[in-house]
């Protein structure tokens, strides 16, 4: 809830812009519980924006399940998950309700028996989407957000160069960080390597090792600037609050044309 209708209206355009320009198909699938994007692809992944009498509605849907955002309640930002295709989710129960069989992860049923699990899944989807939106609006100016990471930094006696958002390689890396799926579940060396060096997937082991080394150096640079942190006891990295602001702010600004930027500055 916000203190006033005006307070929400000031932020809501940034939320809508983030939802429609930054949240790609992979991110939407992650919001709705697809931790691993391998396997069968959904028939459709849709992001839809509609202006209605009550307000604006943004909807992301996968296989008839959706997560939506509204501002129609005045000072209330409403995030809502709707589950129509329950078979896309799982519940921990005994097979066929036979208590003599050990419990395992089974597909969710449409009836009220799995209603508790439906509530849990819906709340988790809402939380993931809300966390992604949290990076959409920052109070600082763009210069204040990005300047520290664009300058050289010394970490544990080693010097690391600053990031150059408008240089192609660094821009591609920031695009990777801004993807919602990486903000939610983090990423591994292999994920970033595959994104930066697509040709590495078709190369031999020696070349893959070379590309992996390059990626490791980039990860060290991102950690030195405080944009990512390592997950304890796992070879996985997640964005820090600073990293979310940095990547999201630059990707949002780069998606605007010069006329729009000029009007906003005015």
Protein backbone atom coordinates (compact mmCIF):
# COMPACT_ATOMS: atom_id res chain seq x y z
CA UNK A 1 0.00 0.00 0.00
CA UNK A 2 1.09 3.56 -0.71
CA UNK A 3 0.37 6.66 1.34
CA UNK A 4 -1.63 8.24 -1.48
CA UNK A 5 -2.93 7.67 -4.99
CA UNK A 6 -0.40 10.23 -6.24
CA UNK A 7 2.51 8.31 -4.69
CA UNK A 8 1.59 5.15 -6.62
CA UNK A 9 0.86 7.02 -9.84
CA UNK A 10 4.36 8.51 -9.71
CA UNK A 11 5.95 5.04 -9.65
CA UNK A 12 3.49 2.98 -11.66
CA UNK A 13 4.69 4.05 -15.16
CA UNK A 14 8.14 2.72 -14.25
CA UNK A 15 6.62 -0.59 -13.16
CA UNK A 16 4.68 -0.90 -16.42
CA UNK A 17 7.75 -0.01 -18.49
CA UNK A 18 9.82 -2.58 -16.62
CA UNK A 19 7.15 -5.26 -17.05
CA UNK A 20 6.79 -4.73 -20.80
CA UNK A 21 10.37 -3.89 -21.84
CA UNK A 22 12.63 -5.75 -19.39
CA UNK A 23 10.65 -8.90 -18.46
CA UNK A 24 11.31 -11.32 -21.32
CA UNK A 25 9.75 -14.77 -21.89
CA UNK A 26 12.36 -16.59 -19.80
CA UNK A 27 11.74 -14.22 -16.91
CA UNK A 28 7.98 -14.77 -17.10
CA UNK A 29 8.48 -18.54 -16.99
CA UNK A 30 10.65 -18.14 -13.89
CA UNK A 31 8.01 -15.99 -12.17
CA UNK A 32 5.53 -18.82 -12.71
CA UNK A 33 7.74 -21.52 -11.23
CA UNK A 34 9.85 -22.85 -14.12
CA UNK A 35 13.22 -23.00 -12.32
CA UNK A 36 14.79 -25.03 -15.12
CA UNK A 37 14.03 -23.82 -18.64
CA UNK A 38 15.12 -27.12 -20.17
CA UNK A 39 12.53 -29.55 -21.49
CA UNK A 40 9.31 -28.93 -23.40
CA UNK A 41 8.69 -25.28 -24.21
CA UNK A 42 5.23 -23.81 -23.50
CA UNK A 43 2.92 -23.14 -26.42
CA UNK A 44 2.81 -19.42 -25.62
CA UNK A 45 4.41 -16.93 -23.28
CA UNK A 46 2.43 -13.69 -23.39
CA UNK A 47 2.94 -10.27 -21.82
CA UNK A 48 -0.13 -8.09 -22.26
CA UNK A 49 -0.91 -4.49 -21.32
CA UNK A 50 -4.43 -3.08 -21.15
CA UNK A 51 -5.88 0.21 -19.97
CA UNK A 52 -9.33 -0.15 -18.47
CA UNK A 53 -11.81 2.14 -16.74
CA UNK A 54 -10.59 1.07 -13.29
CA UNK A 55 -6.90 1.46 -14.19
CA UNK A 56 -4.05 -0.35 -15.96
CA UNK A 57 -3.57 -4.10 -15.97
CA UNK A 58 -0.32 -5.87 -16.95
CA UNK A 59 -0.57 -9.63 -17.43
CA UNK A 60 2.11 -12.29 -18.02
CA UNK A 61 0.82 -15.75 -18.85
CA UNK A 62 2.24 -19.22 -19.53
CA UNK A 63 0.02 -22.21 -20.37
CA UNK A 64 -3.15 -20.47 -19.08
CA UNK A 65 -1.49 -19.56 -15.77
CA UNK A 66 -0.77 -15.90 -15.18
CA UNK A 67 0.69 -13.28 -12.87
CA UNK A 68 -0.92 -9.84 -13.08
CA UNK A 69 -0.34 -6.34 -11.77
CA UNK A 70 -3.05 -3.70 -11.21
CA UNK A 71 -3.29 -0.14 -9.94
CA UNK A 72 -7.10 -0.01 -10.05
CA UNK A 73 -7.44 0.15 -6.25
CA UNK A 74 -6.19 3.71 -5.95
CA UNK A 75 -3.22 3.63 -3.58
CA UNK A 76 -2.89 -0.16 -3.66
CA UNK A 77 -0.49 -1.97 -6.00
CA UNK A 78 -2.08 -5.37 -6.53
CA UNK A 79 -0.12 -8.41 -7.72
CA UNK A 80 -2.18 -11.52 -8.38
CA UNK A 81 -1.45 -15.04 -9.62
CA UNK A 82 -4.18 -17.05 -11.35
CA UNK A 83 -3.77 -20.82 -11.80
CA UNK A 84 -6.01 -22.42 -14.42
CA UNK A 85 -3.67 -25.22 -15.50
CA UNK A 86 -2.81 -26.90 -12.20
CA UNK A 87 -0.83 -29.70 -13.87
CA UNK A 88 2.08 -27.30 -14.38
CA UNK A 89 2.71 -27.37 -10.60
CA UNK A 90 3.39 -30.09 -8.07
CA UNK A 91 2.32 -30.97 -4.53
CA UNK A 92 3.99 -33.29 -2.02
CA UNK A 93 1.47 -36.06 -1.28
CA UNK A 94 0.89 -39.79 -1.46
CA UNK A 95 0.09 -41.11 -4.96
CA UNK A 96 -3.67 -41.51 -5.54
CA UNK A 97 -4.24 -40.50 -1.88
CA UNK A 98 -3.07 -43.93 -0.79
CA UNK A 99 -1.48 -43.26 2.60
CA UNK A 100 0.20 -46.65 2.43
CA UNK A 101 2.47 -45.34 -0.33
CA UNK A 102 5.35 -42.97 0.42
CA UNK A 103 4.70 -39.31 -0.33
CA UNK A 104 6.40 -37.78 -3.36
CA UNK A 105 6.00 -34.77 -5.63
CA UNK A 106 2.82 -35.30 -7.66
CA UNK A 107 1.06 -33.07 -10.15
CA UNK A 108 -1.36 -30.63 -8.59
CA UNK A 109 -5.07 -31.44 -8.85
CA UNK A 110 -7.88 -29.04 -9.75
CA UNK A 111 -10.05 -29.83 -6.73
CA UNK A 112 -9.92 -28.34 -3.25
CA UNK A 113 -7.64 -31.12 -1.93
CA UNK A 114 -4.51 -29.25 -3.06
CA UNK A 115 -5.83 -25.78 -2.28
CA UNK A 116 -3.19 -25.21 0.39
CA UNK A 117 -0.44 -25.87 -2.15
CA UNK A 118 -2.13 -23.63 -4.70
CA UNK A 119 -1.98 -20.79 -2.14
CA UNK A 120 1.72 -21.43 -1.49
CA UNK A 121 2.58 -21.49 -5.20
CA UNK A 122 0.56 -18.33 -5.89
CA UNK A 123 2.25 -16.45 -3.05
CA UNK A 124 5.68 -17.54 -4.29
CA UNK A 125 4.85 -16.30 -7.80
CA UNK A 126 3.67 -12.97 -6.38
CA UNK A 127 6.86 -12.63 -4.33
CA UNK A 128 9.13 -13.39 -7.29
CA UNK A 129 7.34 -10.85 -9.46
CA UNK A 130 7.36 -8.25 -6.70
CA UNK A 131 11.10 -8.74 -6.15
CA UNK A 132 11.70 -8.20 -9.86
CA UNK A 133 9.62 -5.00 -9.85
CA UNK A 134 11.52 -3.69 -6.84
CA UNK A 135 14.47 -2.94 -9.12
CA UNK A 136 12.33 -1.00 -11.59
CA UNK A 137 12.23 2.26 -9.66
CA UNK A 138 15.15 3.84 -7.82
CA UNK A 139 15.24 7.25 -6.19
CA UNK A 140 18.81 8.03 -7.18
CA UNK A 141 19.76 9.67 -10.45
CA UNK A 142 21.15 7.39 -13.14
CA UNK A 143 24.63 8.87 -12.68
CA UNK A 144 24.52 8.15 -8.95
CA UNK A 145 23.51 4.53 -9.53
CA UNK A 146 26.10 3.62 -12.16
CA UNK A 147 29.09 5.87 -11.50
CA UNK A 148 30.80 3.70 -8.84
CA UNK A 149 30.80 0.58 -11.04
CA UNK A 150 32.07 2.57 -14.03
CA UNK A 151 35.27 3.50 -12.21
CA UNK A 152 38.29 1.37 -11.36
CA UNK A 153 38.24 -0.47 -8.05
CA UNK A 154 40.89 -2.21 -5.96
CA UNK A 155 39.82 -5.41 -4.21
CA UNK A 156 42.20 -7.46 -2.05
CA UNK A 157 45.18 -5.73 -3.62
CA UNK A 158 44.06 -6.37 -7.20
CA UNK A 159 42.88 -3.65 -9.56
CA UNK A 160 39.71 -4.16 -11.63
CA UNK A 161 38.65 -1.93 -14.50
CA UNK A 162 35.38 -0.05 -14.51
CA UNK A 163 32.42 -1.21 -16.57
CA UNK A 164 31.59 0.55 -19.82
CA UNK A 165 27.83 0.07 -20.40
CA UNK A 166 28.01 1.32 -23.98
CA UNK A 167 30.80 -1.05 -24.99
CA UNK A 168 29.34 -4.11 -26.72
CA UNK A 169 30.77 -6.83 -24.45
CA UNK A 170 29.85 -5.05 -21.22
CA UNK A 171 26.41 -4.17 -22.58
CA UNK A 172 25.75 -7.85 -23.36
CA UNK A 173 26.83 -8.77 -19.84
CA UNK A 174 24.46 -6.19 -18.32
CA UNK A 175 21.63 -7.51 -20.48
CA UNK A 176 22.30 -10.94 -18.98
CA UNK A 177 22.21 -9.57 -15.42
CA UNK A 178 18.96 -7.68 -16.04
CA UNK A 179 17.10 -10.82 -17.11
CA UNK A 180 14.50 -11.65 -14.47
CA UNK A 181 15.42 -15.32 -14.37
CA UNK A 182 18.95 -14.49 -13.19
CA UNK A 183 17.69 -12.10 -10.55
CA UNK A 184 15.49 -14.84 -9.13
CA UNK A 185 17.59 -18.01 -9.19
CA UNK A 186 21.04 -16.68 -9.96
CA UNK A 187 23.40 -18.05 -12.58
CA UNK A 188 26.50 -20.19 -13.06
CA UNK A 189 29.70 -19.69 -15.02
CA UNK A 190 28.25 -21.89 -17.76
CA UNK A 191 25.13 -19.71 -18.07
CA UNK A 192 27.08 -16.48 -18.50
CA UNK A 193 29.60 -18.15 -20.84
CA UNK A 194 26.80 -19.46 -23.04
CA UNK A 195 25.28 -15.98 -23.22
CA UNK A 196 28.52 -14.08 -23.95
CA UNK A 197 30.24 -16.64 -26.16
CA UNK A 198 27.59 -18.58 -28.03
CA UNK A 199 30.22 -20.14 -30.25
CA UNK A 200 31.75 -21.88 -27.22
CA UNK A 201 28.93 -24.46 -27.23
CA UNK A 202 30.17 -25.78 -30.58
CA UNK A 203 33.89 -25.69 -29.77
CA UNK A 204 36.17 -28.35 -28.32
CA UNK A 205 37.09 -28.82 -24.68
CA UNK A 206 40.25 -26.71 -24.93
CA UNK A 207 38.33 -23.78 -26.38
CA UNK A 208 35.53 -24.17 -23.83
CA UNK A 209 38.13 -24.03 -21.07
CA UNK A 210 39.50 -20.83 -22.59
CA UNK A 211 36.04 -19.21 -22.72
CA UNK A 212 35.31 -20.42 -19.19
CA UNK A 213 38.45 -18.63 -17.98
CA UNK A 214 37.33 -15.40 -19.63
CA UNK A 215 33.94 -15.73 -17.97
CA UNK A 216 35.54 -16.34 -14.57
CA UNK A 217 37.48 -13.08 -14.91
CA UNK A 218 34.27 -11.23 -15.71
CA UNK A 219 32.56 -12.75 -12.68
CA UNK A 220 35.46 -11.65 -10.48
CA UNK A 221 35.12 -8.12 -11.86
CA UNK A 222 31.38 -8.06 -11.13
CA UNK A 223 31.99 -9.30 -7.59
CA UNK A 224 34.68 -6.67 -7.05
CA UNK A 225 32.20 -3.94 -8.00
CA UNK A 226 29.61 -5.43 -5.63
CA UNK A 227 27.08 -6.20 -8.37
CA UNK A 228 26.87 -9.93 -7.64
CA UNK A 229 27.64 -12.23 -4.73
CA UNK A 230 28.38 -15.93 -4.50
CA UNK A 231 25.77 -18.28 -3.06
CA UNK A 232 27.28 -20.15 -0.07
CA UNK A 233 28.26 -23.76 -0.77
CA UNK A 234 27.24 -23.51 -4.44
CA UNK A 235 28.87 -22.47 -7.71
CA UNK A 236 26.10 -19.96 -8.30
CA UNK A 237 25.92 -16.18 -8.18
CA UNK A 238 23.02 -13.81 -7.51
CA UNK A 239 22.60 -10.08 -7.99
CA UNK A 240 23.01 -7.77 -5.04
CA UNK A 241 20.64 -4.86 -4.51
CA UNK A 242 23.27 -2.64 -6.13
CA UNK A 243 23.51 -5.00 -9.10
CA UNK A 244 19.74 -5.02 -9.61
CA UNK A 245 19.60 -1.23 -9.59
CA UNK A 246 22.63 -0.93 -11.87
CA UNK A 247 21.52 -3.38 -14.57
CA UNK A 248 17.83 -2.46 -14.50
CA UNK A 249 18.49 1.30 -14.65
CA UNK A 250 20.81 1.00 -17.63
CA UNK A 251 18.60 -1.42 -19.53
CA UNK A 252 15.57 0.80 -18.97
CA UNK A 253 17.44 3.92 -20.09
CA UNK A 254 18.86 2.19 -23.17
CA UNK A 255 15.37 1.07 -24.23
CA UNK A 256 14.14 4.68 -24.42
CA UNK A 257 14.58 6.81 -27.51
CA UNK A 258 16.26 10.23 -27.36
CA UNK A 259 12.96 12.10 -27.54
CA UNK A 260 11.57 10.22 -24.54
CA UNK A 261 14.73 10.82 -22.52
CA UNK A 262 14.65 14.53 -23.37
CA UNK A 263 11.01 14.83 -22.28
CA UNK A 264 11.75 13.01 -19.00
CA UNK A 265 14.77 15.25 -18.29
CA UNK A 266 12.64 18.33 -18.92
